[in-house]
């Protein structure tokens, strides 16, 4: 059944925010005031007041009736997306706007909005295209200002429960969070769920979300409740259990389809996680489902 979805533009309020107090940028027509595109959920009652609260009283605002409003949007330095909570369709929303606004996007939530807004002001102050950089110039984008890849398949439904048996300090099970606040950690989870059969590792995933491996590891653990490697391995094991019920697949084929680089590695990991080797699991009554 085809559902009629609300147009994405109608679900978001959009403004051009100009910063007269920041250094001008040089254009073909002369010096120009820097600006950003500001987006927030249409349910926010006072989006203009949010802008003044985030960026100070010196800014100038213009509401857009359409996101692709010509030169105003094209000249904006970046898009500031304020999502007080992480909506289920955040990824599709970002893809939608990124297709119309080919510039960096910063997604901020209630917990880090002041820090993010301050970074925008620093960026506009110190990284000025067409002019000499100021002292201590911010010459590269903060990782949060770089959009996530939009050309890869992702898990699109509700995140499933992922558990590690007895992995807690007190011997209790550890459960992954299904309502993740940081969009980069959620992106990593959805990528793993959809692409677990591929060659995925922490460093590659960190690169995809534009974070250092160490920062990504800490972020993922805090947001999800377990390490990235534990999450990845458990997703592979959970899918291996399902495939082992198919007797048309050999154990080695199951291993390959679940992203393990060798049958020996798969067998060791499966036994560690499930308490028995995969062949014994296949023959046990619990596989009949």
C-alpha atoms as a PDB file:
ATOM      1  CA  UNK A   1       0.000   0.000   0.000  1.00  0.00           C
ATOM      2  CA  UNK A   2       1.401   3.389  -0.942  1.00  0.00           C
ATOM      3  CA  UNK A   3       1.242   5.930   1.830  1.00  0.00           C
ATOM      4  CA  UNK A   4       1.085   9.644   1.139  1.00  0.00           C
ATOM      5  CA  UNK A   5       3.911  11.242   3.085  1.00  0.00           C
ATOM      6  CA  UNK A   6       3.942  14.872   4.153  1.00  0.00           C
ATOM      7  CA  UNK A   7       6.347  16.828   1.930  1.00  0.00           C
ATOM      8  CA  UNK A   8       9.624  17.172   3.775  1.00  0.00           C
ATOM      9  CA  UNK A   9       9.744  20.946   3.298  1.00  0.00           C
ATOM     10  CA  UNK A  10       6.420  21.347   5.116  1.00  0.00           C
ATOM     11  CA  UNK A  11       7.771  19.536   8.165  1.00  0.00           C
ATOM     12  CA  UNK A  12      10.593  22.065   8.647  1.00  0.00           C
ATOM     13  CA  UNK A  13      10.819  25.822   9.138  1.00  0.00           C
ATOM     14  CA  UNK A  14      13.629  27.437   7.171  1.00  0.00           C
ATOM     15  CA  UNK A  15      15.419  30.776   7.452  1.00  0.00           C
ATOM     16  CA  UNK A  16      18.377  32.531   5.929  1.00  0.00           C
ATOM     17  CA  UNK A  17      20.414  33.869   8.846  1.00  0.00           C
ATOM     18  CA  UNK A  18      22.815  36.702   7.995  1.00  0.00           C
ATOM     19  CA  UNK A  19      25.769  37.665  10.201  1.00  0.00           C
ATOM     20  CA  UNK A  20      26.637  41.354   9.608  1.00  0.00           C
ATOM     21  CA  UNK A  21      29.135  41.341  12.492  1.00  0.00           C
ATOM     22  CA  UNK A  22      31.234  38.555  10.923  1.00  0.00           C
ATOM     23  CA  UNK A  23      33.887  39.276   8.267  1.00  0.00           C
ATOM     24  CA  UNK A  24      32.538  39.838   4.782  1.00  0.00           C
ATOM     25  CA  UNK A  25      33.324  37.383   1.985  1.00  0.00           C
ATOM     26  CA  UNK A  26      34.549  38.434  -1.449  1.00  0.00           C
ATOM     27  CA  UNK A  27      32.288  37.651  -4.404  1.00  0.00           C
ATOM     28  CA  UNK A  28      32.227  38.671  -8.049  1.00  0.00           C
ATOM     29  CA  UNK A  29      29.903  41.553  -7.145  1.00  0.00           C
ATOM     30  CA  UNK A  30      31.952  42.722  -4.169  1.00  0.00           C
ATOM     31  CA  UNK A  31      31.981  42.073  -0.456  1.00  0.00           C
ATOM     32  CA  UNK A  32      28.996  40.127   0.850  1.00  0.00           C
ATOM     33  CA  UNK A  33      27.593  39.358   4.296  1.00  0.00           C
ATOM     34  CA  UNK A  34      27.974  35.743   5.345  1.00  0.00           C
ATOM     35  CA  UNK A  35      24.842  33.679   5.859  1.00  0.00           C
ATOM     36  CA  UNK A  36      23.684  30.188   6.760  1.00  0.00           C
ATOM     37  CA  UNK A  37      20.539  28.190   6.131  1.00  0.00           C
ATOM     38  CA  UNK A  38      18.733  27.427   9.406  1.00  0.00           C
ATOM     39  CA  UNK A  39      16.294  24.514   9.599  1.00  0.00           C
ATOM     40  CA  UNK A  40      14.189  23.360  12.531  1.00  0.00           C
ATOM     41  CA  UNK A  41      11.075  21.259  12.935  1.00  0.00           C
ATOM     42  CA  UNK A  42       7.883  23.085  11.977  1.00  0.00           C
ATOM     43  CA  UNK A  43       6.506  22.103  15.386  1.00  0.00           C
ATOM     44  CA  UNK A  44       8.903  24.569  17.073  1.00  0.00           C
ATOM     45  CA  UNK A  45       6.690  27.477  18.132  1.00  0.00           C
ATOM     46  CA  UNK A  46       9.275  30.271  17.963  1.00  0.00           C
ATOM     47  CA  UNK A  47      11.984  29.395  15.433  1.00  0.00           C
ATOM     48  CA  UNK A  48      13.058  33.042  15.060  1.00  0.00           C
ATOM     49  CA  UNK A  49      13.643  33.296  18.798  1.00  0.00           C
ATOM     50  CA  UNK A  50      15.702  30.116  18.596  1.00  0.00           C
ATOM     51  CA  UNK A  51      17.982  31.753  16.039  1.00  0.00           C
ATOM     52  CA  UNK A  52      18.521  34.816  18.238  1.00  0.00           C
ATOM     53  CA  UNK A  53      19.137  32.594  21.257  1.00  0.00           C
ATOM     54  CA  UNK A  54      21.697  30.521  19.373  1.00  0.00           C
ATOM     55  CA  UNK A  55      23.554  33.192  17.388  1.00  0.00           C
ATOM     56  CA  UNK A  56      22.999  36.468  19.243  1.00  0.00           C
ATOM     57  CA  UNK A  57      20.991  39.659  18.610  1.00  0.00           C
ATOM     58  CA  UNK A  58      23.115  40.997  15.704  1.00  0.00           C
ATOM     59  CA  UNK A  59      21.807  38.525  13.129  1.00  0.00           C
ATOM     60  CA  UNK A  60      19.274  39.246  10.391  1.00  0.00           C
ATOM     61  CA  UNK A  61      16.572  36.726   9.491  1.00  0.00           C
ATOM     62  CA  UNK A  62      14.605  35.988   6.355  1.00  0.00           C
ATOM     63  CA  UNK A  63      12.053  33.177   6.328  1.00  0.00           C
ATOM     64  CA  UNK A  64      12.060  31.007   3.213  1.00  0.00           C
ATOM     65  CA  UNK A  65       8.842  29.800   1.668  1.00  0.00           C
ATOM     66  CA  UNK A  66      10.773  27.086  -0.185  1.00  0.00           C
ATOM     67  CA  UNK A  67      14.120  25.513   0.685  1.00  0.00           C
ATOM     68  CA  UNK A  68      15.457  25.857  -2.858  1.00  0.00           C
ATOM     69  CA  UNK A  69      14.902  29.632  -2.857  1.00  0.00           C
ATOM     70  CA  UNK A  70      17.518  30.554  -5.398  1.00  0.00           C
ATOM     71  CA  UNK A  71      20.584  32.647  -4.734  1.00  0.00           C
ATOM     72  CA  UNK A  72      19.911  33.100  -1.005  1.00  0.00           C
ATOM     73  CA  UNK A  73      20.332  29.407  -0.346  1.00  0.00           C
ATOM     74  CA  UNK A  74      23.161  28.988  -2.845  1.00  0.00           C
ATOM     75  CA  UNK A  75      25.246  31.640  -1.080  1.00  0.00           C
ATOM     76  CA  UNK A  76      24.805  30.211   2.417  1.00  0.00           C
ATOM     77  CA  UNK A  77      28.026  28.905   3.973  1.00  0.00           C
ATOM     78  CA  UNK A  78      26.407  25.897   5.632  1.00  0.00           C
ATOM     79  CA  UNK A  79      23.095  24.482   6.836  1.00  0.00           C
ATOM     80  CA  UNK A  80      22.366  24.397  10.564  1.00  0.00           C
ATOM     81  CA  UNK A  81      19.746  21.725  11.262  1.00  0.00           C
ATOM     82  CA  UNK A  82      18.255  21.904  14.759  1.00  0.00           C
ATOM     83  CA  UNK A  83      16.579  18.626  15.699  1.00  0.00           C
ATOM     84  CA  UNK A  84      15.658  18.865  19.382  1.00  0.00           C
ATOM     85  CA  UNK A  85      15.035  15.120  19.278  1.00  0.00           C
ATOM     86  CA  UNK A  86      16.217  12.661  16.636  1.00  0.00           C
ATOM     87  CA  UNK A  87      13.269  12.133  14.257  1.00  0.00           C
ATOM     88  CA  UNK A  88      12.844   8.742  12.638  1.00  0.00           C
ATOM     89  CA  UNK A  89      13.212  10.289   9.172  1.00  0.00           C
ATOM     90  CA  UNK A  90      16.300  12.382   9.936  1.00  0.00           C
ATOM     91  CA  UNK A  91      18.456  10.545   7.379  1.00  0.00           C
ATOM     92  CA  UNK A  92      15.942  11.024   4.561  1.00  0.00           C
ATOM     93  CA  UNK A  93      15.505  14.650   5.586  1.00  0.00           C
ATOM     94  CA  UNK A  94      19.248  15.285   5.402  1.00  0.00           C
ATOM     95  CA  UNK A  95      19.459  13.557   2.031  1.00  0.00           C
ATOM     96  CA  UNK A  96      16.556  15.652   0.758  1.00  0.00           C
ATOM     97  CA  UNK A  97      18.118  18.968   1.759  1.00  0.00           C
ATOM     98  CA  UNK A  98      21.643  17.924   0.789  1.00  0.00           C
ATOM     99  CA  UNK A  99      20.447  17.301  -2.763  1.00  0.00           C
ATOM    100  CA  UNK A 100      19.205  20.905  -2.897  1.00  0.00           C
ATOM    101  CA  UNK A 101      21.930  22.479  -0.798  1.00  0.00           C
ATOM    102  CA  UNK A 102      25.382  21.091  -1.680  1.00  0.00           C
ATOM    103  CA  UNK A 103      27.220  22.516   1.317  1.00  0.00           C
ATOM    104  CA  UNK A 104      28.205  21.227   4.756  1.00  0.00           C
ATOM    105  CA  UNK A 105      25.386  20.449   7.177  1.00  0.00           C
ATOM    106  CA  UNK A 106      25.599  20.632  10.945  1.00  0.00           C
ATOM    107  CA  UNK A 107      22.950  18.663  12.816  1.00  0.00           C
ATOM    108  CA  UNK A 108      22.525  19.814  16.388  1.00  0.00           C
ATOM    109  CA  UNK A 109      20.319  18.641  19.228  1.00  0.00           C
ATOM    110  CA  UNK A 110      19.179  20.203  22.464  1.00  0.00           C
ATOM    111  CA  UNK A 111      22.104  18.741  24.391  1.00  0.00           C
ATOM    112  CA  UNK A 112      24.835  20.316  22.258  1.00  0.00           C
ATOM    113  CA  UNK A 113      23.158  23.198  20.448  1.00  0.00           C
ATOM    114  CA  UNK A 114      25.014  25.987  22.254  1.00  0.00           C
ATOM    115  CA  UNK A 115      28.398  24.410  21.508  1.00  0.00           C
ATOM    116  CA  UNK A 116      27.372  23.855  17.877  1.00  0.00           C
ATOM    117  CA  UNK A 117      26.150  27.435  17.493  1.00  0.00           C
ATOM    118  CA  UNK A 118      29.409  28.728  18.934  1.00  0.00           C
ATOM    119  CA  UNK A 119      31.333  26.637  16.437  1.00  0.00           C
ATOM    120  CA  UNK A 120      29.331  28.193  13.595  1.00  0.00           C
ATOM    121  CA  UNK A 121      30.264  31.684  14.810  1.00  0.00           C
ATOM    122  CA  UNK A 122      33.921  30.696  15.065  1.00  0.00           C
ATOM    123  CA  UNK A 123      33.831  29.161  11.607  1.00  0.00           C
ATOM    124  CA  UNK A 124      32.273  32.261  10.025  1.00  0.00           C
ATOM    125  CA  UNK A 125      34.752  34.480  11.840  1.00  0.00           C
ATOM    126  CA  UNK A 126      37.983  32.639  11.031  1.00  0.00           C
ATOM    127  CA  UNK A 127      37.457  30.678   7.789  1.00  0.00           C
ATOM    128  CA  UNK A 128      36.601  33.335   5.241  1.00  0.00           C
ATOM    129  CA  UNK A 129      36.733  32.306   1.559  1.00  0.00           C
ATOM    130  CA  UNK A 130      38.292  34.867  -0.730  1.00  0.00           C
ATOM    131  CA  UNK A 131      40.101  36.648   2.087  1.00  0.00           C
ATOM    132  CA  UNK A 132      43.156  36.247   4.253  1.00  0.00           C
ATOM    133  CA  UNK A 133      42.575  33.851   7.147  1.00  0.00           C
ATOM    134  CA  UNK A 134      42.579  35.363  10.615  1.00  0.00           C
ATOM    135  CA  UNK A 135      45.023  34.356  13.319  1.00  0.00           C
ATOM    136  CA  UNK A 136      44.400  30.846  14.631  1.00  0.00           C
ATOM    137  CA  UNK A 137      42.174  30.308  11.624  1.00  0.00           C
ATOM    138  CA  UNK A 138      39.722  27.415  11.548  1.00  0.00           C
ATOM    139  CA  UNK A 139      40.809  26.179   8.131  1.00  0.00           C
ATOM    140  CA  UNK A 140      39.058  22.817   8.181  1.00  0.00           C
ATOM    141  CA  UNK A 141      35.524  21.788   8.981  1.00  0.00           C
ATOM    142  CA  UNK A 142      34.657  20.351  12.352  1.00  0.00           C
ATOM    143  CA  UNK A 143      33.621  16.689  11.844  1.00  0.00           C
ATOM    144  CA  UNK A 144      30.037  17.555  12.756  1.00  0.00           C
ATOM    145  CA  UNK A 145      29.834  19.959   9.827  1.00  0.00           C
ATOM    146  CA  UNK A 146      30.454  17.272   7.234  1.00  0.00           C
ATOM    147  CA  UNK A 147      27.378  15.492   5.830  1.00  0.00           C
ATOM    148  CA  UNK A 148      27.158  11.734   6.050  1.00  0.00           C
ATOM    149  CA  UNK A 149      27.339   9.608   2.892  1.00  0.00           C
ATOM    150  CA  UNK A 150      23.934   9.468   1.253  1.00  0.00           C
ATOM    151  CA  UNK A 151      24.624   6.971  -1.525  1.00  0.00           C
ATOM    152  CA  UNK A 152      24.739   3.785   0.583  1.00  0.00           C
ATOM    153  CA  UNK A 153      21.871   1.489   1.589  1.00  0.00           C
ATOM    154  CA  UNK A 154      20.803   1.753   5.231  1.00  0.00           C
ATOM    155  CA  UNK A 155      18.468  -0.143   7.543  1.00  0.00           C
ATOM    156  CA  UNK A 156      15.280   1.921   7.386  1.00  0.00           C
ATOM    157  CA  UNK A 157      12.986   0.469  10.045  1.00  0.00           C
ATOM    158  CA  UNK A 158      13.127   0.637  13.841  1.00  0.00           C
ATOM    159  CA  UNK A 159      16.486  -0.441  15.254  1.00  0.00           C
ATOM    160  CA  UNK A 160      16.228  -3.997  16.626  1.00  0.00           C
ATOM    161  CA  UNK A 161      17.217  -5.094  20.094  1.00  0.00           C
ATOM    162  CA  UNK A 162      20.833  -6.283  20.230  1.00  0.00           C
ATOM    163  CA  UNK A 163      22.038  -8.017  23.389  1.00  0.00           C
ATOM    164  CA  UNK A 164      25.291  -9.414  24.728  1.00  0.00           C
ATOM    165  CA  UNK A 165      24.673 -12.196  27.199  1.00  0.00           C
ATOM    166  CA  UNK A 166      26.492 -11.790  30.499  1.00  0.00           C
ATOM    167  CA  UNK A 167      28.727  -9.018  29.200  1.00  0.00           C
ATOM    168  CA  UNK A 168      28.038  -6.554  32.007  1.00  0.00           C
ATOM    169  CA  UNK A 169      30.419  -6.017  34.925  1.00  0.00           C
ATOM    170  CA  UNK A 170      27.895  -7.747  37.183  1.00  0.00           C
ATOM    171  CA  UNK A 171      27.335 -10.598  34.744  1.00  0.00           C
ATOM    172  CA  UNK A 172      24.066  -9.200  33.452  1.00  0.00           C
ATOM    173  CA  UNK A 173      23.144  -8.938  29.796  1.00  0.00           C
ATOM    174  CA  UNK A 174      24.070  -5.734  27.971  1.00  0.00           C
ATOM    175  CA  UNK A 175      21.409  -4.297  25.669  1.00  0.00           C
ATOM    176  CA  UNK A 176      22.057  -1.805  22.882  1.00  0.00           C
ATOM    177  CA  UNK A 177      20.017   1.376  22.939  1.00  0.00           C
ATOM    178  CA  UNK A 178      17.389   1.524  20.204  1.00  0.00           C
ATOM    179  CA  UNK A 179      16.628   5.253  20.603  1.00  0.00           C
ATOM    180  CA  UNK A 180      20.011   6.812  19.787  1.00  0.00           C
ATOM    181  CA  UNK A 181      20.478  10.562  20.150  1.00  0.00           C
ATOM    182  CA  UNK A 182      23.603  11.209  18.070  1.00  0.00           C
ATOM    183  CA  UNK A 183      22.871  10.855  14.357  1.00  0.00           C
ATOM    184  CA  UNK A 184      26.391   9.587  13.571  1.00  0.00           C
ATOM    185  CA  UNK A 185      26.079   6.666  16.000  1.00  0.00           C
ATOM    186  CA  UNK A 186      22.641   5.874  14.620  1.00  0.00           C
ATOM    187  CA  UNK A 187      24.012   5.997  11.079  1.00  0.00           C
ATOM    188  CA  UNK A 188      26.710   3.487  12.072  1.00  0.00           C
ATOM    189  CA  UNK A 189      24.110   1.114  13.529  1.00  0.00           C
ATOM    190  CA  UNK A 190      21.912   1.334  10.458  1.00  0.00           C
ATOM    191  CA  UNK A 191      24.874   0.826   8.159  1.00  0.00           C
ATOM    192  CA  UNK A 192      25.951  -2.308  10.045  1.00  0.00           C
ATOM    193  CA  UNK A 193      22.427  -3.743  10.048  1.00  0.00           C
ATOM    194  CA  UNK A 194      22.184  -3.354   6.289  1.00  0.00           C
ATOM    195  CA  UNK A 195      25.772  -4.163   5.297  1.00  0.00           C
ATOM    196  CA  UNK A 196      27.092  -6.624   7.918  1.00  0.00           C
ATOM    197  CA  UNK A 197      28.229  -9.026   5.184  1.00  0.00           C
ATOM    198  CA  UNK A 198      30.765  -6.478   3.913  1.00  0.00           C
ATOM    199  CA  UNK A 199      34.274  -5.788   5.169  1.00  0.00           C
ATOM    200  CA  UNK A 200      33.409  -3.385   7.999  1.00  0.00           C
ATOM    201  CA  UNK A 201      35.690  -2.335  10.805  1.00  0.00           C
ATOM    202  CA  UNK A 202      35.918   0.495  13.307  1.00  0.00           C
ATOM    203  CA  UNK A 203      38.395   2.597  11.342  1.00  0.00           C
ATOM    204  CA  UNK A 204      36.401   2.397   8.121  1.00  0.00           C
ATOM    205  CA  UNK A 205      33.169   3.265   9.936  1.00  0.00           C
ATOM    206  CA  UNK A 206      34.832   6.191  11.701  1.00  0.00           C
ATOM    207  CA  UNK A 207      36.022   7.506   8.341  1.00  0.00           C
ATOM    208  CA  UNK A 208      32.502   7.250   6.920  1.00  0.00           C
ATOM    209  CA  UNK A 209      31.071   9.441   9.683  1.00  0.00           C
ATOM    210  CA  UNK A 210      34.062  11.818   9.547  1.00  0.00           C
ATOM    211  CA  UNK A 211      35.404  11.133  13.042  1.00  0.00           C
ATOM    212  CA  UNK A 212      38.733   9.902  14.337  1.00  0.00           C
ATOM    213  CA  UNK A 213      38.691   6.202  15.300  1.00  0.00           C
ATOM    214  CA  UNK A 214      39.169   7.005  18.982  1.00  0.00           C
ATOM    215  CA  UNK A 215      36.443   9.655  19.082  1.00  0.00           C
ATOM    216  CA  UNK A 216      34.075   7.405  17.151  1.00  0.00           C
ATOM    217  CA  UNK A 217      34.700   4.495  19.547  1.00  0.00           C
ATOM    218  CA  UNK A 218      33.904   6.636  22.585  1.00  0.00           C
ATOM    219  CA  UNK A 219      30.864   8.211  20.949  1.00  0.00           C
ATOM    220  CA  UNK A 220      29.439   4.858  19.867  1.00  0.00           C
ATOM    221  CA  UNK A 221      29.923   3.245  23.275  1.00  0.00           C
ATOM    222  CA  UNK A 222      28.280   6.153  25.089  1.00  0.00           C
ATOM    223  CA  UNK A 223      25.355   6.396  22.661  1.00  0.00           C
ATOM    224  CA  UNK A 224      24.674   2.708  22.020  1.00  0.00           C
ATOM    225  CA  UNK A 225      25.801   1.109  25.276  1.00  0.00           C
ATOM    226  CA  UNK A 226      28.369  -1.285  23.851  1.00  0.00           C
ATOM    227  CA  UNK A 227      31.483  -1.078  21.698  1.00  0.00           C
ATOM    228  CA  UNK A 228      31.215  -0.871  17.923  1.00  0.00           C
ATOM    229  CA  UNK A 229      33.059  -4.185  17.478  1.00  0.00           C
ATOM    230  CA  UNK A 230      30.702  -5.945  19.903  1.00  0.00           C
ATOM    231  CA  UNK A 231      27.688  -4.515  18.083  1.00  0.00           C
ATOM    232  CA  UNK A 232      29.034  -5.531  14.669  1.00  0.00           C
ATOM    233  CA  UNK A 233      29.933  -9.062  15.776  1.00  0.00           C
ATOM    234  CA  UNK A 234      26.586  -9.581  17.491  1.00  0.00           C
ATOM    235  CA  UNK A 235      24.672  -8.473  14.391  1.00  0.00           C
ATOM    236  CA  UNK A 236      26.682 -10.992  12.362  1.00  0.00           C
ATOM    237  CA  UNK A 237      26.085 -13.756  14.902  1.00  0.00           C
ATOM    238  CA  UNK A 238      22.348 -13.039  15.126  1.00  0.00           C
ATOM    239  CA  UNK A 239      22.083 -13.268  11.342  1.00  0.00           C
ATOM    240  CA  UNK A 240      24.229 -16.413  11.280  1.00  0.00           C
ATOM    241  CA  UNK A 241      21.753 -18.082  13.643  1.00  0.00           C
ATOM    242  CA  UNK A 242      18.972 -17.372  11.157  1.00  0.00           C
ATOM    243  CA  UNK A 243      20.974 -18.645   8.196  1.00  0.00           C
ATOM    244  CA  UNK A 244      22.002 -21.819  10.015  1.00  0.00           C
ATOM    245  CA  UNK A 245      18.340 -22.825   9.962  1.00  0.00           C
ATOM    246  CA  UNK A 246      18.672 -23.060   6.181  1.00  0.00           C
ATOM    247  CA  UNK A 247      20.102 -26.454   5.413  1.00  0.00           C
ATOM    248  CA  UNK A 248      20.746 -25.457   1.791  1.00  0.00           C
ATOM    249  CA  UNK A 249      23.690 -23.371   3.017  1.00  0.00           C
ATOM    250  CA  UNK A 250      26.904 -24.865   4.307  1.00  0.00           C
ATOM    251  CA  UNK A 251      28.419 -23.490   7.489  1.00  0.00           C
ATOM    252  CA  UNK A 252      31.185 -21.952   5.397  1.00  0.00           C
ATOM    253  CA  UNK A 253      28.632 -20.203   3.175  1.00  0.00           C
ATOM    254  CA  UNK A 254      26.875 -18.870   6.266  1.00  0.00           C
ATOM    255  CA  UNK A 255      30.223 -17.602   7.494  1.00  0.00           C
ATOM    256  CA  UNK A 256      30.888 -15.705   4.259  1.00  0.00           C
ATOM    257  CA  UNK A 257      27.400 -14.246   4.073  1.00  0.00           C
ATOM    258  CA  UNK A 258      27.788 -12.872   7.594  1.00  0.00           C
ATOM    259  CA  UNK A 259      31.051 -11.086   6.894  1.00  0.00           C
ATOM    260  CA  UNK A 260      33.568 -13.374   8.613  1.00  0.00           C
ATOM    261  CA  UNK A 261      36.939 -13.576   6.904  1.00  0.00           C
ATOM    262  CA  UNK A 262      37.411 -17.302   7.545  1.00  0.00           C
ATOM    263  CA  UNK A 263      35.484 -20.345   8.683  1.00  0.00           C
ATOM    264  CA  UNK A 264      37.854 -20.772  11.634  1.00  0.00           C
ATOM    265  CA  UNK A 265      37.220 -17.202  12.792  1.00  0.00           C
ATOM    266  CA  UNK A 266      33.474 -17.679  12.443  1.00  0.00           C
ATOM    267  CA  UNK A 267      33.514 -20.950  14.384  1.00  0.00           C
ATOM    268  CA  UNK A 268      35.558 -19.488  17.249  1.00  0.00           C
ATOM    269  CA  UNK A 269      33.437 -16.357  17.487  1.00  0.00           C
ATOM    270  CA  UNK A 270      30.160 -18.261  17.266  1.00  0.00           C
ATOM    271  CA  UNK A 271      31.207 -20.646  20.044  1.00  0.00           C
ATOM    272  CA  UNK A 272      32.320 -17.748  22.238  1.00  0.00           C
ATOM    273  CA  UNK A 273      28.984 -15.962  21.782  1.00  0.00           C
ATOM    274  CA  UNK A 274      26.622 -18.941  21.721  1.00  0.00           C
ATOM    275  CA  UNK A 275      28.363 -21.564  23.850  1.00  0.00           C
ATOM    276  CA  UNK A 276      28.531 -24.124  21.035  1.00  0.00           C
ATOM    277  CA  UNK A 277      30.038 -24.360  17.528  1.00  0.00           C
ATOM    278  CA  UNK A 278      27.779 -23.473  14.583  1.00  0.00           C
ATOM    279  CA  UNK A 279      27.376 -27.064  13.372  1.00  0.00           C
ATOM    280  CA  UNK A 280      26.147 -28.196  16.792  1.00  0.00           C
ATOM    281  CA  UNK A 281      23.808 -25.194  16.918  1.00  0.00           C
ATOM    282  CA  UNK A 282      22.385 -26.213  13.535  1.00  0.00           C
ATOM    283  CA  UNK A 283      21.663 -29.734  14.803  1.00  0.00           C
ATOM    284  CA  UNK A 284      20.137 -28.614  18.103  1.00  0.00           C
ATOM    285  CA  UNK A 285      16.333 -28.531  18.503  1.00  0.00           C
ATOM    286  CA  UNK A 286      16.312 -24.774  19.060  1.00  0.00           C
ATOM    287  CA  UNK A 287      17.103 -24.180  15.369  1.00  0.00           C
ATOM    288  CA  UNK A 288      13.758 -25.581  14.289  1.00  0.00           C
ATOM    289  CA  UNK A 289      11.600 -22.493  13.798  1.00  0.00           C
END
